[in-house]
Protein backbone atom coordinates (compact mmCIF):
# COMPACT_ATOMS: atom_id res chain seq x y z
CA MET A 1 -4.77 -1.91 -15.03
CA ALA A 2 -7.52 -3.24 -12.63
CA GLN A 3 -5.26 -6.01 -11.30
CA VAL A 4 -2.46 -3.54 -10.61
CA LEU A 5 -4.86 -1.14 -9.00
CA PHE A 6 -6.28 -3.97 -6.86
CA ALA A 7 -2.74 -4.73 -5.68
CA SER A 8 -1.95 -1.11 -4.83
CA ALA A 9 -2.37 0.55 -1.45
CA LEU A 10 -5.06 2.90 -2.79
CA GLN A 11 -8.50 2.38 -1.16
CA ALA A 12 -12.01 3.03 -2.47
CA SER A 13 -12.59 5.15 0.65
CA ASP A 14 -9.86 7.48 -0.60
CA ASP A 15 -12.15 8.51 -3.50
CA PRO A 16 -9.07 8.88 -5.67
CA SER A 17 -8.85 11.21 -8.55
CA PRO A 18 -7.75 9.85 -11.97
CA ASP A 19 -4.25 11.18 -11.41
CA GLN A 20 -4.02 9.47 -8.01
CA VAL A 21 -5.10 6.19 -9.60
CA ARG A 22 -2.58 6.46 -12.40
CA THR A 23 0.14 7.29 -9.85
CA ALA A 24 -0.76 4.36 -7.65
CA VAL A 25 -0.76 1.98 -10.64
CA GLU A 26 2.63 3.32 -11.84
CA GLU A 27 4.08 2.99 -8.34
CA ARG A 28 2.81 -0.58 -7.93
CA LEU A 29 4.20 -1.57 -11.30
CA ARG A 30 7.57 -0.13 -10.36
CA ALA A 31 7.42 -2.01 -6.99
CA CYS A 32 7.00 -5.31 -8.80
CA HIS A 33 9.70 -4.40 -11.41
CA GLU A 34 7.11 -4.00 -14.17
CA ASP A 35 6.17 -7.66 -13.78
CA LEU A 36 2.38 -7.88 -14.25
CA ALA A 37 2.48 -11.58 -13.09
CA ASP A 38 3.63 -10.36 -9.65
CA CYS A 39 0.52 -8.15 -9.37
CA VAL A 40 -1.68 -10.95 -10.58
CA ALA A 41 -0.18 -13.25 -7.96
CA CYS A 42 -1.01 -10.64 -5.26
CA VAL A 43 -4.64 -10.53 -6.49
CA ALA A 44 -4.86 -14.36 -6.35
CA GLN A 45 -3.31 -14.36 -2.82
CA GLU A 46 -5.82 -11.76 -1.64
CA ALA A 47 -8.73 -13.75 -3.12
CA GLY A 48 -7.62 -16.76 -1.14
CA ASP A 49 -6.80 -14.93 2.10
CA HIS A 50 -9.74 -12.55 2.16
CA PRO A 51 -12.53 -13.90 -0.02
CA GLU A 52 -15.10 -11.80 1.92
CA THR A 53 -13.59 -8.55 0.66
CA TYR A 54 -12.06 -9.68 -2.68
CA ALA A 55 -15.15 -9.28 -4.90
CA ALA A 56 -15.99 -5.80 -3.65
CA ARG A 57 -12.42 -4.59 -4.11
CA MET A 58 -12.13 -6.11 -7.58
CA ARG A 59 -15.47 -4.52 -8.62
CA TRP A 60 -14.10 -1.16 -7.43
CA ALA A 61 -10.79 -1.70 -9.19
CA LEU A 62 -12.49 -2.68 -12.43
CA SER A 63 -14.91 0.29 -12.25
CA VAL A 64 -12.15 2.85 -11.52
CA ALA A 65 -9.80 1.38 -14.15
CA GLY A 66 -12.55 1.58 -16.72
CA ARG A 67 -13.21 5.23 -15.93
CA VAL A 68 -9.54 6.29 -15.69
CA GLY A 69 -8.06 4.34 -18.62
CA SER A 70 -4.46 3.39 -19.22
CA PRO A 71 -1.60 5.21 -17.43
CA ALA A 72 0.01 5.58 -20.86
CA ALA A 73 -3.02 7.47 -22.06
CA ALA A 74 -2.41 10.21 -19.47
């Protein structure tokens, strides 16, 4: 879930609710045709293009994903 959240348009500054996070993850998965590899490729691209912000965003995504849980659990 964290990789998909990372690849979404949601921002840490949005202070998203669990429902907003689940919605953003579901929308991002639909946008990449349920292909998790596409989301992972986006994460890798961002790491290469923006290494100065990658770590902070991934820490945020991991933290939020851990608190929210799986979209299927909603």
